[in-house]
Amino acid sequence: MDEMDDAQAREHIEMVQRILAQTSQRLCAGGEFFVVWGLYSGFVTSINQVINDGLISPVWIWAVVPALAACVLFSILRGRATALDAGRKTLLQREFLNVLWLTIGLAFIANLGAFNLFRGWGNAAIWSFGEAIVLFYIGLHGNRRAMLGGIAVIVSMVVANFSAQTIAGYILAAGMVAGYTGFGIAEMLSRE
């Protein structure tokens, strides 16, 4: 092994410090995605509550389809634009996307494949739980706003659990909007 003199050692240390300074362990999330999907989650849960209460016809459940299509289209277009701007993803960003897709995939499977196990508001609670996992994952990487959003979602689940069926959906929807959308808005307004 070649020996380094003091100048070479300092040069190497400075290079490592520059690399470390550019590598953040903080996870920055696109707030606009959370706003859109939080509003969609709250909308779907609210429309289900209104239908269950008999205030509107069950045919209104079809309103979620164009809303879902709009959210997916927005996510695709915005994701492509973000990918072009961001360049290469960090390991942390790739891990976040893996956690996000895993959480969404498992919630989707539970809603479709285990609907007899998760009846009533259990379906919405699964999505709330998934949203909380995503928010807490971001929060564990130094984002306090995400932690607060995750707490709001979890609190709404606990409150909805002990509430009458006639308001449980509204409480879950409020948690989704406060937690997911609220986090998204806070991210968009933050100066970090």
Protein backbone atom coordinates (compact mmCIF):
# COMPACT_ATOMS: atom_id res chain seq x y z
CA MET A 1 0.00 0.00 0.00
CA ASP A 2 1.33 3.41 -0.98
CA GLU A 3 1.87 5.91 1.78
CA MET A 4 0.26 9.34 1.57
CA ASP A 5 1.79 12.55 2.61
CA ASP A 6 -0.14 15.07 4.67
CA ALA A 7 -1.26 17.10 1.65
CA GLN A 8 -2.67 14.04 -0.14
CA ALA A 9 -4.46 12.88 3.01
CA ARG A 10 -6.06 16.31 3.46
CA GLU A 11 -7.08 16.30 -0.18
CA HIS A 12 -8.76 12.90 0.20
CA ILE A 13 -10.51 13.96 3.40
CA GLU A 14 -11.81 17.12 1.73
CA MET A 15 -13.08 15.07 -1.22
CA VAL A 16 -14.93 12.69 1.11
CA GLN A 17 -16.40 15.65 3.01
CA ARG A 18 -17.66 17.18 -0.27
CA ILE A 19 -19.27 13.87 -1.25
CA LEU A 20 -20.91 13.49 2.16
CA ALA A 21 -22.18 17.07 2.07
CA GLN A 22 -23.96 16.33 -1.21
CA THR A 23 -25.48 13.08 0.08
CA SER A 24 -28.44 13.87 2.27
CA GLN A 25 -30.19 11.24 4.37
CA ARG A 26 -33.26 13.44 4.37
CA LEU A 27 -36.08 12.24 2.17
CA CYS A 28 -37.68 15.01 0.15
CA ALA A 29 -41.08 14.09 -1.17
CA GLY A 30 -43.12 15.77 -3.88
CA GLY A 31 -45.83 17.53 -1.90
CA GLU A 32 -48.14 17.77 -4.89
CA PHE A 33 -48.49 13.97 -5.03
CA PHE A 34 -49.58 13.87 -1.41
CA VAL A 35 -52.08 16.69 -1.94
CA VAL A 36 -53.69 14.96 -4.92
CA TRP A 37 -53.82 11.47 -3.40
CA GLY A 38 -54.87 12.73 0.03
CA LEU A 39 -57.79 14.60 -1.52
CA TYR A 40 -58.71 11.55 -3.58
CA SER A 41 -58.60 9.27 -0.52
CA GLY A 42 -60.79 11.68 1.43
CA PHE A 43 -63.19 12.01 -1.50
CA VAL A 44 -63.63 8.25 -1.93
CA THR A 45 -64.17 7.69 1.79
CA SER A 46 -66.60 10.61 2.06
CA ILE A 47 -68.62 9.50 -0.97
CA ASN A 48 -68.91 6.03 0.57
CA GLN A 49 -70.13 7.54 3.84
CA VAL A 50 -72.71 9.70 2.06
CA ILE A 51 -73.94 6.68 0.07
CA ASN A 52 -74.06 4.50 3.22
CA ASP A 53 -76.11 7.20 4.96
CA GLY A 54 -78.59 7.12 2.07
CA LEU A 55 -78.05 10.79 1.26
CA ILE A 56 -77.20 10.09 -2.41
CA SER A 57 -77.80 7.24 -4.82
CA PRO A 58 -75.28 4.37 -4.90
CA VAL A 59 -74.72 5.18 -8.58
CA TRP A 60 -72.55 8.08 -7.38
CA ILE A 61 -69.83 5.58 -6.48
CA TRP A 62 -68.90 5.76 -10.16
CA ALA A 63 -67.68 9.32 -9.54
CA VAL A 64 -64.53 7.82 -8.06
CA VAL A 65 -63.51 6.35 -11.45
CA PRO A 66 -62.85 9.63 -13.31
CA ALA A 67 -61.30 11.06 -10.14
CA LEU A 68 -58.95 8.06 -9.96
CA ALA A 69 -58.11 8.42 -13.65
CA ALA A 70 -57.30 12.10 -13.13
CA CYS A 71 -55.04 11.30 -10.16
CA VAL A 72 -53.22 8.56 -12.06
CA LEU A 73 -52.76 10.80 -15.10
CA PHE A 74 -51.48 13.63 -12.90
CA SER A 75 -49.04 11.26 -11.16
CA ILE A 76 -47.71 9.91 -14.44
CA LEU A 77 -47.23 13.33 -16.02
CA ARG A 78 -45.81 14.93 -12.89
CA GLY A 79 -43.60 11.90 -12.23
CA ARG A 80 -42.10 12.12 -15.71
CA ALA A 81 -41.49 15.85 -15.34
CA THR A 82 -39.90 15.31 -11.92
CA ALA A 83 -37.72 12.48 -13.21
CA LEU A 84 -36.39 14.69 -15.99
CA ASP A 85 -35.57 17.47 -13.52
CA ALA A 86 -34.13 15.30 -10.76
CA GLY A 87 -31.68 13.27 -12.78
CA ARG A 88 -30.42 10.19 -10.98
CA LYS A 89 -32.26 8.88 -7.90
CA THR A 90 -30.44 8.36 -4.64
CA LEU A 91 -30.53 5.03 -2.82
CA LEU A 92 -32.88 6.60 -0.26
CA GLN A 93 -35.27 7.77 -2.99
CA ARG A 94 -35.30 4.30 -4.55
CA GLU A 95 -35.98 2.71 -1.16
CA PHE A 96 -38.82 5.18 -0.56
CA LEU A 97 -40.39 4.24 -3.89
CA ASN A 98 -40.07 0.56 -2.98
CA VAL A 99 -41.80 1.18 0.37
CA LEU A 100 -44.48 3.24 -1.38
CA TRP A 101 -45.23 0.62 -4.03
CA LEU A 102 -45.12 -2.23 -1.53
CA THR A 103 -47.54 -0.43 0.79
CA ILE A 104 -49.93 0.52 -2.01
CA GLY A 105 -49.74 -2.97 -3.50
CA LEU A 106 -50.50 -4.72 -0.22
CA ALA A 107 -53.37 -2.33 0.56
CA PHE A 108 -54.78 -2.93 -2.92
CA ILE A 109 -54.54 -6.72 -2.52
CA ALA A 110 -56.14 -6.55 0.94
CA ASN A 111 -59.02 -4.47 -0.43
CA LEU A 112 -59.63 -6.74 -3.41
CA GLY A 113 -58.63 -10.14 -2.10
CA ALA A 114 -59.59 -9.92 1.56
CA PHE A 115 -62.71 -7.77 1.45
CA ASN A 116 -64.59 -10.30 3.60
CA LEU A 117 -62.02 -9.80 6.33
CA PHE A 118 -62.02 -6.02 6.10
CA ARG A 119 -65.69 -5.14 5.83
CA GLY A 120 -67.29 -1.76 6.20
CA TRP A 121 -64.82 0.93 7.12
CA GLY A 122 -62.02 -1.63 7.31
CA ASN A 123 -61.34 -1.04 3.61
CA ALA A 124 -60.80 2.68 4.15
CA ALA A 125 -58.79 1.98 7.29
CA ILE A 126 -56.40 -0.19 5.26
CA TRP A 127 -55.68 2.78 3.00
CA SER A 128 -55.27 5.01 6.04
CA PHE A 129 -52.83 2.52 7.51
CA GLY A 130 -50.89 2.47 4.23
CA GLU A 131 -50.77 6.26 4.14
CA ALA A 132 -49.50 6.29 7.71
CA ILE A 133 -46.70 3.85 6.85
CA VAL A 134 -45.57 6.05 3.97
CA LEU A 135 -45.67 9.20 6.11
CA PHE A 136 -43.82 7.57 9.01
CA TYR A 137 -41.16 6.25 6.64
CA ILE A 138 -40.54 9.80 5.44
CA GLY A 139 -40.69 11.03 9.03
CA LEU A 140 -38.06 8.54 10.15
CA HIS A 141 -35.69 10.23 7.72
CA GLY A 142 -35.94 13.57 9.48
CA ASN A 143 -39.19 15.10 8.25
CA ARG A 144 -41.28 16.23 11.24
CA ARG A 145 -44.16 17.31 9.01
CA ALA A 146 -44.49 13.73 7.77
CA MET A 147 -44.49 12.44 11.36
CA LEU A 148 -47.30 14.84 12.25
CA GLY A 149 -49.23 13.77 9.15
CA GLY A 150 -48.82 10.10 10.06
CA ILE A 151 -50.00 10.80 13.59
CA ALA A 152 -53.09 12.60 12.23
CA VAL A 153 -53.96 9.58 10.07
CA ILE A 154 -53.50 7.10 12.94
CA VAL A 155 -55.49 9.26 15.38
CA SER A 156 -58.37 9.43 12.89
CA MET A 157 -58.38 5.63 12.67
CA VAL A 158 -58.57 5.27 16.45
CA VAL A 159 -61.30 7.91 16.75
CA ALA A 160 -63.28 6.37 13.86
CA ASN A 161 -63.02 2.97 15.52
CA PHE A 162 -64.89 4.25 18.58
CA SER A 163 -67.37 6.38 16.63
CA ALA A 164 -70.81 5.62 15.26
CA GLN A 165 -70.91 4.07 11.79
CA THR A 166 -72.76 7.15 10.56
CA ILE A 167 -69.67 9.34 11.06
CA ALA A 168 -66.75 6.89 10.94
CA GLY A 169 -66.18 7.50 7.22
CA TYR A 170 -66.06 11.25 7.69
CA ILE A 171 -63.50 10.87 10.47
CA LEU A 172 -61.33 8.58 8.34
CA ALA A 173 -61.63 11.01 5.41
CA ALA A 174 -60.65 13.91 7.65
CA GLY A 175 -57.57 12.01 8.80
CA MET A 176 -56.58 11.24 5.21
CA VAL A 177 -56.97 14.85 4.16
CA ALA A 178 -55.32 16.28 7.29
CA GLY A 179 -52.48 13.78 7.27
CA TYR A 180 -51.70 13.14 3.61
CA THR A 181 -52.91 16.37 1.99
CA GLY A 182 -51.80 18.45 4.97
CA PHE A 183 -48.32 16.98 4.71
CA GLY A 184 -48.26 17.68 0.97
CA ILE A 185 -49.24 21.31 1.46
CA ALA A 186 -46.68 21.72 4.25
CA GLU A 187 -43.98 20.25 1.99
CA MET A 188 -44.89 22.61 -0.84
CA LEU A 189 -44.78 25.61 1.52
CA SER A 190 -41.57 24.62 3.32
CA ARG A 191 -38.37 26.45 2.53
CA GLU A 192 -36.05 23.48 3.11
